[in-house]
Amino acid sequence: MPRVDIPAPYRGPTRGEAVIQVDGTTVGDCLREVVDRYEGLGELVFDADGAVLRFVKLFVNGEQIERTALDMPVSGDDEVLILAAIAGG
């Protein structure tokens, strides 16, 4: 069963959960399952049109993927990581 790793800045909506097991078969399925499960998380990951926000980075098994690669298949022990790019100044 794939899992989605949630970065610390996004754990408010997940009530502190860092790793969430999902049934999805693509990156997009996994992300949608998590945002459907945790109210408020979707607005941190997706824009109003359902695209991944430009400052959100996605990784599968440690390899960065394009934000548009939501149809990439996942299975078994695959890990989808959402990484929030933090700007400083």
PDB file of N, CA and C in Angstrom:
ATOM      1  N   MET A   1       0.845  -1.178   0.000  1.00  0.00           N
ATOM      2  CA  MET A   1       0.000   0.000   0.000  1.00  0.00           C
ATOM      3  C   MET A   1       0.890   1.240   0.000  1.00  0.00           C
ATOM      4  N   PRO A   2       0.724   2.144  -0.982  1.00  0.00           N
ATOM      5  CA  PRO A   2       1.545   3.362  -1.010  1.00  0.00           C
ATOM      6  C   PRO A   2       1.303   4.230   0.221  1.00  0.00           C
ATOM      7  N   ARG A   3       2.217   5.136   0.436  1.00  0.00           N
ATOM      8  CA  ARG A   3       2.062   6.077   1.546  1.00  0.00           C
ATOM      9  C   ARG A   3       2.383   7.477   1.062  1.00  0.00           C
ATOM     10  N   VAL A   4       1.795   8.449   1.743  1.00  0.00           N
ATOM     11  CA  VAL A   4       2.074   9.853   1.451  1.00  0.00           C
ATOM     12  C   VAL A   4       2.708  10.438   2.703  1.00  0.00           C
ATOM     13  N   ASP A   5       3.884  11.035   2.536  1.00  0.00           N
ATOM     14  CA  ASP A   5       4.573  11.694   3.639  1.00  0.00           C
ATOM     15  C   ASP A   5       4.220  13.174   3.625  1.00  0.00           C
ATOM     16  N   ILE A   6       3.776  13.663   4.768  1.00  0.00           N
ATOM     17  CA  ILE A   6       3.323  15.048   4.908  1.00  0.00           C
ATOM     18  C   ILE A   6       4.408  15.854   5.635  1.00  0.00           C
ATOM     19  N   PRO A   7       4.858  16.976   5.061  1.00  0.00           N
ATOM     20  CA  PRO A   7       5.886  17.782   5.726  1.00  0.00           C
ATOM     21  C   PRO A   7       5.319  18.496   6.963  1.00  0.00           C
ATOM     22  N   ALA A   8       6.185  18.796   7.894  1.00  0.00           N
ATOM     23  CA  ALA A   8       5.767  19.428   9.146  1.00  0.00           C
ATOM     24  C   ALA A   8       4.888  20.661   8.957  1.00  0.00           C
ATOM     25  N   PRO A   9       5.196  21.569   8.010  1.00  0.00           N
ATOM     26  CA  PRO A   9       4.337  22.752   7.870  1.00  0.00           C
ATOM     27  C   PRO A   9       2.898  22.438   7.445  1.00  0.00           C
ATOM     28  N   TYR A  10       2.648  21.241   6.928  1.00  0.00           N
ATOM     29  CA  TYR A  10       1.317  20.863   6.439  1.00  0.00           C
ATOM     30  C   TYR A  10       0.575  19.917   7.377  1.00  0.00           C
ATOM     31  N   ARG A  11       1.126  19.654   8.534  1.00  0.00           N
ATOM     32  CA  ARG A  11       0.528  18.677   9.438  1.00  0.00           C
ATOM     33  C   ARG A  11      -0.602  19.210  10.298  1.00  0.00           C
ATOM     34  N   GLY A  12      -0.911  20.497  10.214  1.00  0.00           N
ATOM     35  CA  GLY A  12      -2.063  21.029  10.952  1.00  0.00           C
ATOM     36  C   GLY A  12      -3.343  20.318  10.549  1.00  0.00           C
ATOM     37  N   PRO A  13      -3.673  20.302   9.247  1.00  0.00           N
ATOM     38  CA  PRO A  13      -4.889  19.614   8.818  1.00  0.00           C
ATOM     39  C   PRO A  13      -4.879  18.107   9.099  1.00  0.00           C
ATOM     40  N   THR A  14      -3.696  17.487   9.139  1.00  0.00           N
ATOM     41  CA  THR A  14      -3.636  16.038   9.391  1.00  0.00           C
ATOM     42  C   THR A  14      -3.553  15.728  10.878  1.00  0.00           C
ATOM     43  N   ARG A  15      -3.680  16.762  11.699  1.00  0.00           N
ATOM     44  CA  ARG A  15      -3.606  16.622  13.148  1.00  0.00           C
ATOM     45  C   ARG A  15      -2.320  15.911  13.591  1.00  0.00           C
ATOM     46  N   GLY A  16      -1.221  16.316  12.923  1.00  0.00           N
ATOM     47  CA  GLY A  16       0.092  15.812  13.293  1.00  0.00           C
ATOM     48  C   GLY A  16       0.531  14.547  12.583  1.00  0.00           C
ATOM     49  N   GLU A  17      -0.356  13.926  11.812  1.00  0.00           N
ATOM     50  CA  GLU A  17       0.021  12.711  11.089  1.00  0.00           C
ATOM     51  C   GLU A  17       1.079  13.043  10.044  1.00  0.00           C
ATOM     52  N   ALA A  18       2.174  12.289  10.053  1.00  0.00           N
ATOM     53  CA  ALA A  18       3.272  12.534   9.123  1.00  0.00           C
ATOM     54  C   ALA A  18       3.271  11.565   7.952  1.00  0.00           C
ATOM     55  N   VAL A  19       2.764  10.359   8.168  1.00  0.00           N
ATOM     56  CA  VAL A  19       2.750   9.323   7.145  1.00  0.00           C
ATOM     57  C   VAL A  19       1.333   8.760   7.057  1.00  0.00           C
ATOM     58  N   ILE A  20       0.779   8.787   5.849  1.00  0.00           N
ATOM     59  CA  ILE A  20      -0.606   8.353   5.657  1.00  0.00           C
ATOM     60  C   ILE A  20      -0.640   7.257   4.593  1.00  0.00           C
ATOM     61  N   GLN A  21      -1.137   6.101   4.970  1.00  0.00           N
ATOM     62  CA  GLN A  21      -1.288   4.980   4.043  1.00  0.00           C
ATOM     63  C   GLN A  21      -2.498   5.239   3.151  1.00  0.00           C
ATOM     64  N   VAL A  22      -2.355   4.982   1.848  1.00  0.00           N
ATOM     65  CA  VAL A  22      -3.431   5.237   0.890  1.00  0.00           C
ATOM     66  C   VAL A  22      -3.586   4.044  -0.046  1.00  0.00           C
ATOM     67  N   ASP A  23      -4.697   4.017  -0.773  1.00  0.00           N
ATOM     68  CA  ASP A  23      -4.983   2.942  -1.718  1.00  0.00           C
ATOM     69  C   ASP A  23      -4.765   3.359  -3.165  1.00  0.00           C
ATOM     70  N   GLY A  24      -4.302   4.571  -3.424  1.00  0.00           N
ATOM     71  CA  GLY A  24      -4.191   5.088  -4.782  1.00  0.00           C
ATOM     72  C   GLY A  24      -3.243   4.285  -5.655  1.00  0.00           C
ATOM     73  N   THR A  25      -3.490   4.369  -6.967  1.00  0.00           N
ATOM     74  CA  THR A  25      -2.630   3.682  -7.928  1.00  0.00           C
ATOM     75  C   THR A  25      -1.804   4.658  -8.765  1.00  0.00           C
ATOM     76  N   THR A  26      -2.054   5.971  -8.589  1.00  0.00           N
ATOM     77  CA  THR A  26      -1.236   7.005  -9.226  1.00  0.00           C
ATOM     78  C   THR A  26      -0.894   8.046  -8.161  1.00  0.00           C
ATOM     79  N   VAL A  27       0.070   8.892  -8.478  1.00  0.00           N
ATOM     80  CA  VAL A  27       0.430   9.972  -7.555  1.00  0.00           C
ATOM     81  C   VAL A  27      -0.798  10.838  -7.273  1.00  0.00           C
ATOM     82  N   GLY A  28      -1.535  11.190  -8.330  1.00  0.00           N
ATOM     83  CA  GLY A  28      -2.727  12.021  -8.161  1.00  0.00           C
ATOM     84  C   GLY A  28      -3.775  11.363  -7.296  1.00  0.00           C
ATOM     85  N   ASP A  29      -4.025  10.063  -7.497  1.00  0.00           N
ATOM     86  CA  ASP A  29      -4.990   9.339  -6.658  1.00  0.00           C
ATOM     87  C   ASP A  29      -4.584   9.423  -5.190  1.00  0.00           C
ATOM     88  N   CYS A  30      -3.304   9.206  -4.929  1.00  0.00           N
ATOM     89  CA  CYS A  30      -2.803   9.236  -3.550  1.00  0.00           C
ATOM     90  C   CYS A  30      -3.001  10.610  -2.921  1.00  0.00           C
ATOM     91  N   LEU A  31      -2.638  11.656  -3.658  1.00  0.00           N
ATOM     92  CA  LEU A  31      -2.786  13.011  -3.134  1.00  0.00           C
ATOM     93  C   LEU A  31      -4.253  13.353  -2.907  1.00  0.00           C
ATOM     94  N   ARG A  32      -5.105  13.000  -3.860  1.00  0.00           N
ATOM     95  CA  ARG A  32      -6.537  13.305  -3.706  1.00  0.00           C
ATOM     96  C   ARG A  32      -7.144  12.553  -2.527  1.00  0.00           C
ATOM     97  N   GLU A  33      -6.715  11.317  -2.308  1.00  0.00           N
ATOM     98  CA  GLU A  33      -7.230  10.560  -1.169  1.00  0.00           C
ATOM     99  C   GLU A  33      -6.872  11.248   0.144  1.00  0.00           C
ATOM    100  N   VAL A  34      -5.640  11.733   0.231  1.00  0.00           N
ATOM    101  CA  VAL A  34      -5.202  12.406   1.459  1.00  0.00           C
ATOM    102  C   VAL A  34      -5.939  13.733   1.648  1.00  0.00           C
ATOM    103  N   VAL A  35      -6.060  14.536   0.597  1.00  0.00           N
ATOM    104  CA  VAL A  35      -6.725  15.831   0.768  1.00  0.00           C
ATOM    105  C   VAL A  35      -8.221  15.656   1.012  1.00  0.00           C
ATOM    106  N   ASP A  36      -8.811  14.581   0.483  1.00  0.00           N
ATOM    107  CA  ASP A  36     -10.218  14.300   0.780  1.00  0.00           C
ATOM    108  C   ASP A  36     -10.397  13.876   2.231  1.00  0.00           C
ATOM    109  N   ARG A  37      -9.412  13.209   2.767  1.00  0.00           N
ATOM    110  CA  ARG A  37      -9.482  12.702   4.141  1.00  0.00           C
ATOM    111  C   ARG A  37      -9.259  13.807   5.177  1.00  0.00           C
ATOM    112  N   TYR A  38      -8.454  14.816   4.830  1.00  0.00           N
ATOM    113  CA  TYR A  38      -8.078  15.855   5.796  1.00  0.00           C
ATOM    114  C   TYR A  38      -8.460  17.230   5.280  1.00  0.00           C
ATOM    115  N   GLU A  39      -9.535  17.750   5.810  1.00  0.00           N
ATOM    116  CA  GLU A  39     -10.037  19.067   5.406  1.00  0.00           C
ATOM    117  C   GLU A  39      -8.976  20.133   5.641  1.00  0.00           C
ATOM    118  N   GLY A  40      -8.788  21.003   4.665  1.00  0.00           N
ATOM    119  CA  GLY A  40      -7.824  22.091   4.765  1.00  0.00           C
ATOM    120  C   GLY A  40      -6.480  21.782   4.131  1.00  0.00           C
ATOM    121  N   LEU A  41      -6.198  20.506   3.892  1.00  0.00           N
ATOM    122  CA  LEU A  41      -4.917  20.143   3.288  1.00  0.00           C
ATOM    123  C   LEU A  41      -4.900  20.458   1.792  1.00  0.00           C
ATOM    124  N   GLY A  42      -6.025  20.291   1.136  1.00  0.00           N
ATOM    125  CA  GLY A  42      -6.092  20.506  -0.309  1.00  0.00           C
ATOM    126  C   GLY A  42      -5.645  21.883  -0.735  1.00  0.00           C
ATOM    127  N   GLU A  43      -6.011  22.906   0.018  1.00  0.00           N
ATOM    128  CA  GLU A  43      -5.641  24.272  -0.357  1.00  0.00           C
ATOM    129  C   GLU A  43      -4.148  24.541  -0.184  1.00  0.00           C
ATOM    130  N   LEU A  44      -3.457  23.678   0.551  1.00  0.00           N
ATOM    131  CA  LEU A  44      -2.010  23.804   0.700  1.00  0.00           C
ATOM    132  C   LEU A  44      -1.254  23.121  -0.434  1.00  0.00           C
ATOM    133  N   VAL A  45      -1.946  22.229  -1.157  1.00  0.00           N
ATOM    134  CA  VAL A  45      -1.297  21.427  -2.198  1.00  0.00           C
ATOM    135  C   VAL A  45      -1.770  21.803  -3.600  1.00  0.00           C
ATOM    136  N   PHE A  46      -3.069  22.048  -3.756  1.00  0.00           N
ATOM    137  CA  PHE A  46      -3.658  22.289  -5.078  1.00  0.00           C
ATOM    138  C   PHE A  46      -4.192  23.709  -5.217  1.00  0.00           C
ATOM    139  N   ASP A  47      -4.163  24.231  -6.453  1.00  0.00           N
ATOM    140  CA  ASP A  47      -4.795  25.521  -6.726  1.00  0.00           C
ATOM    141  C   ASP A  47      -6.277  25.292  -7.044  1.00  0.00           C
ATOM    142  N   ALA A  48      -6.982  26.355  -7.355  1.00  0.00           N
ATOM    143  CA  ALA A  48      -8.428  26.280  -7.596  1.00  0.00           C
ATOM    144  C   ALA A  48      -8.783  25.411  -8.798  1.00  0.00           C
ATOM    145  N   ASP A  49      -7.831  25.231  -9.716  1.00  0.00           N
ATOM    146  CA  ASP A  49      -8.071  24.406 -10.906  1.00  0.00           C
ATOM    147  C   ASP A  49      -7.655  22.950 -10.707  1.00  0.00           C
ATOM    148  N   GLY A  50      -7.158  22.610  -9.521  1.00  0.00           N
ATOM    149  CA  GLY A  50      -6.753  21.242  -9.244  1.00  0.00           C
ATOM    150  C   GLY A  50      -5.320  20.920  -9.611  1.00  0.00           C
ATOM    151  N   ALA A  51      -4.550  21.917 -10.010  1.00  0.00           N
ATOM    152  CA  ALA A  51      -3.129  21.712 -10.312  1.00  0.00           C
ATOM    153  C   ALA A  51      -2.312  21.861  -9.033  1.00  0.00           C
ATOM    154  N   VAL A  52      -1.195  21.156  -8.950  1.00  0.00           N
ATOM    155  CA  VAL A  52      -0.310  21.274  -7.799  1.00  0.00           C
ATOM    156  C   VAL A  52       0.266  22.684  -7.783  1.00  0.00           C
ATOM    157  N   LEU A  53       0.229  23.320  -6.631  1.00  0.00           N
ATOM    158  CA  LEU A  53       0.760  24.679  -6.488  1.00  0.00           C
ATOM    159  C   LEU A  53       2.231  24.728  -6.894  1.00  0.00           C
ATOM    160  N   ARG A  54       2.649  25.854  -7.440  1.00  0.00           N
ATOM    161  CA  ARG A  54       3.994  25.960  -8.002  1.00  0.00           C
ATOM    162  C   ARG A  54       5.109  25.834  -6.967  1.00  0.00           C
ATOM    163  N   PHE A  55       4.830  26.123  -5.699  1.00  0.00           N
ATOM    164  CA  PHE A  55       5.867  26.019  -4.677  1.00  0.00           C
ATOM    165  C   PHE A  55       5.861  24.672  -3.959  1.00  0.00           C
ATOM    166  N   VAL A  56       5.027  23.747  -4.409  1.00  0.00           N
ATOM    167  CA  VAL A  56       4.983  22.402  -3.842  1.00  0.00           C
ATOM    168  C   VAL A  56       5.807  21.479  -4.740  1.00  0.00           C
ATOM    169  N   LYS A  57       6.716  20.761  -4.145  1.00  0.00           N
ATOM    170  CA  LYS A  57       7.542  19.785  -4.862  1.00  0.00           C
ATOM    171  C   LYS A  57       7.031  18.392  -4.513  1.00  0.00           C
ATOM    172  N   LEU A  58       7.051  17.498  -5.501  1.00  0.00           N
ATOM    173  CA  LEU A  58       6.618  16.119  -5.300  1.00  0.00           C
ATOM    174  C   LEU A  58       7.776  15.165  -5.556  1.00  0.00           C
ATOM    175  N   PHE A  59       7.858  14.126  -4.742  1.00  0.00           N
ATOM    176  CA  PHE A  59       8.883  13.103  -4.883  1.00  0.00           C
ATOM    177  C   PHE A  59       8.215  11.735  -4.790  1.00  0.00           C
ATOM    178  N   VAL A  60       8.714  10.787  -5.565  1.00  0.00           N
ATOM    179  CA  VAL A  60       8.294   9.397  -5.451  1.00  0.00           C
ATOM    180  C   VAL A  60       9.545   8.581  -5.200  1.00  0.00           C
ATOM    181  N   ASN A  61       9.557   7.913  -4.058  1.00  0.00           N
ATOM    182  CA  ASN A  61      10.713   7.096  -3.668  1.00  0.00           C
ATOM    183  C   ASN A  61      12.016   7.881  -3.731  1.00  0.00           C
ATOM    184  N   GLY A  62      11.956   9.137  -3.293  1.00  0.00           N
ATOM    185  CA  GLY A  62      13.144   9.973  -3.204  1.00  0.00           C
ATOM    186  C   GLY A  62      13.537  10.704  -4.468  1.00  0.00           C
ATOM    187  N   GLU A  63      12.846  10.445  -5.572  1.00  0.00           N
ATOM    188  CA  GLU A  63      13.149  11.107  -6.843  1.00  0.00           C
ATOM    189  C   GLU A  63      12.111  12.183  -7.131  1.00  0.00           C
ATOM    190  N   GLN A  64      12.585  13.416  -7.378  1.00  0.00           N
ATOM    191  CA  GLN A  64      11.650  14.488  -7.675  1.00  0.00           C
ATOM    192  C   GLN A  64      10.961  14.216  -9.007  1.00  0.00           C
ATOM    193  N   ILE A  65       9.643  14.485  -9.030  1.00  0.00           N
ATOM    194  CA  ILE A  65       8.876  14.349 -10.264  1.00  0.00           C
ATOM    195  C   ILE A  65       8.265  15.701 -10.606  1.00  0.00           C
ATOM    196  N   GLU A  66       7.838  15.846 -11.826  1.00  0.00           N
ATOM    197  CA  GLU A  66       7.171  17.081 -12.255  1.00  0.00           C
ATOM    198  C   GLU A  66       5.834  17.215 -11.528  1.00  0.00           C
ATOM    199  N   ARG A  67       5.449  18.437 -11.242  1.00  0.00           N
ATOM    200  CA  ARG A  67       4.158  18.700 -10.588  1.00  0.00           C
ATOM    201  C   ARG A  67       2.990  18.225 -11.436  1.00  0.00           C
ATOM    202  N   THR A  68       3.217  18.098 -12.723  1.00  0.00           N
ATOM    203  CA  THR A  68       2.161  17.681 -13.641  1.00  0.00           C
ATOM    204  C   THR A  68       2.095  16.168 -13.826  1.00  0.00           C
ATOM    205  N   ALA A  69       2.969  15.420 -13.167  1.00  0.00           N
ATOM    206  CA  ALA A  69       3.042  13.964 -13.352  1.00  0.00           C
ATOM    207  C   ALA A  69       2.093  13.218 -12.416  1.00  0.00           C
ATOM    208  N   LEU A  70       0.907  13.745 -12.250  1.00  0.00           N
ATOM    209  CA  LEU A  70      -0.050  13.139 -11.323  1.00  0.00           C
ATOM    210  C   LEU A  70      -0.545  11.777 -11.791  1.00  0.00           C
ATOM    211  N   ASP A  71      -0.357  11.463 -13.063  1.00  0.00           N
ATOM    212  CA  ASP A  71      -0.785  10.166 -13.580  1.00  0.00           C
ATOM    213  C   ASP A  71       0.301   9.098 -13.454  1.00  0.00           C
ATOM    214  N   MET A  72       1.421   9.425 -12.820  1.00  0.00           N
ATOM    215  CA  MET A  72       2.499   8.458 -12.618  1.00  0.00           C
ATOM    216  C   MET A  72       2.010   7.326 -11.712  1.00  0.00           C
ATOM    217  N   PRO A  73       2.177   6.067 -12.146  1.00  0.00           N
ATOM    218  CA  PRO A  73       1.698   4.949 -11.321  1.00  0.00           C
ATOM    219  C   PRO A  73       2.534   4.752 -10.060  1.00  0.00           C
ATOM    220  N   VAL A  74       1.871   4.328  -9.001  1.00  0.00           N
ATOM    221  CA  VAL A  74       2.522   3.928  -7.753  1.00  0.00           C
ATOM    222  C   VAL A  74       1.866   2.635  -7.276  1.00  0.00           C
ATOM    223  N   SER A  75       2.596   1.898  -6.459  1.00  0.00           N
ATOM    224  CA  SER A  75       2.051   0.654  -5.920  1.00  0.00           C
ATOM    225  C   SER A  75       2.862   0.221  -4.713  1.00  0.00           C
ATOM    226  N   GLY A  76       2.406  -0.840  -4.093  1.00  0.00           N
ATOM    227  CA  GLY A  76       3.151  -1.485  -3.016  1.00  0.00           C
ATOM    228  C   GLY A  76       3.685  -0.550  -1.966  1.00  0.00           C
ATOM    229  N   ASP A  77       5.005  -0.529  -1.840  1.00  0.00           N
ATOM    230  CA  ASP A  77       5.672   0.257  -0.806  1.00  0.00           C
ATOM    231  C   ASP A  77       6.134   1.620  -1.296  1.00  0.00           C
ATOM    232  N   ASP A  78       5.597   2.106  -2.407  1.00  0.00           N
ATOM    233  CA  ASP A  78       6.010   3.406  -2.922  1.00  0.00           C
ATOM    234  C   ASP A  78       5.689   4.513  -1.928  1.00  0.00           C
ATOM    235  N   GLU A  79       6.558   5.511  -1.912  1.00  0.00           N
ATOM    236  CA  GLU A  79       6.415   6.655  -1.012  1.00  0.00           C
ATOM    237  C   GLU A  79       6.273   7.925  -1.846  1.00  0.00           C
ATOM    238  N   VAL A  80       5.181   8.636  -1.622  1.00  0.00           N
ATOM    239  CA  VAL A  80       4.963   9.938  -2.251  1.00  0.00           C
ATOM    240  C   VAL A  80       5.227  10.985  -1.178  1.00  0.00           C
ATOM    241  N   LEU A  81       6.142  11.881  -1.462  1.00  0.00           N
ATOM    242  CA  LEU A  81       6.486  12.938  -0.510  1.00  0.00           C
ATOM    243  C   LEU A  81       6.040  14.270  -1.064  1.00  0.00           C
ATOM    244  N   ILE A  82       5.333  15.017  -0.242  1.00  0.00           N
ATOM    245  CA  ILE A  82       4.974  16.401  -0.557  1.00  0.00           C
ATOM    246  C   ILE A  82       5.987  17.261   0.163  1.00  0.00           C
ATOM    247  N   LEU A  83       6.658  18.123  -0.569  1.00  0.00           N
ATOM    248  CA  LEU A  83       7.652  19.000   0.047  1.00  0.00           C
ATOM    249  C   LEU A  83       7.221  20.433  -0.168  1.00  0.00           C
ATOM    250  N   ALA A  84       7.079  21.146   0.911  1.00  0.00           N
ATOM    251  CA  ALA A  84       6.680  22.547   0.858  1.00  0.00           C
ATOM    252  C   ALA A  84       7.928  23.404   0.743  1.00  0.00           C
ATOM    253  N   ALA A  85       8.056  24.125  -0.362  1.00  0.00           N
ATOM    254  CA  ALA A  85       9.170  25.044  -0.526  1.00  0.00           C
ATOM    255  C   ALA A  85       8.931  26.234   0.377  1.00  0.00           C
ATOM    256  N   ILE A  86       9.877  26.527   1.231  1.00  0.00           N
ATOM    257  CA  ILE A  86       9.752  27.627   2.177  1.00  0.00           C
ATOM    258  C   ILE A  86      10.662  28.755   1.712  1.00  0.00           C
ATOM    259  N   ALA A  87      10.082  29.918   1.541  1.00  0.00           N
ATOM    260  CA  ALA A  87      10.866  31.086   1.117  1.00  0.00           C
ATOM    261  C   ALA A  87      11.307  31.864   2.354  1.00  0.00           C
ATOM    262  N   GLY A  88      12.454  32.442   2.262  1.00  0.00           N
ATOM    263  CA  GLY A  88      12.963  33.237   3.377  1.00  0.00           C
ATOM    264  C   GLY A  88      13.441  34.583   2.864  1.00  0.00           C
ATOM    265  N   GLY A  89      13.776  35.435   3.788  1.00  0.00           N
ATOM    266  CA  GLY A  89      14.218  36.738   3.324  1.00  0.00           C
ATOM    267  C   GLY A  89      14.972  37.477   4.345  1.00  0.00           C
TER     268      GLY A  89
END
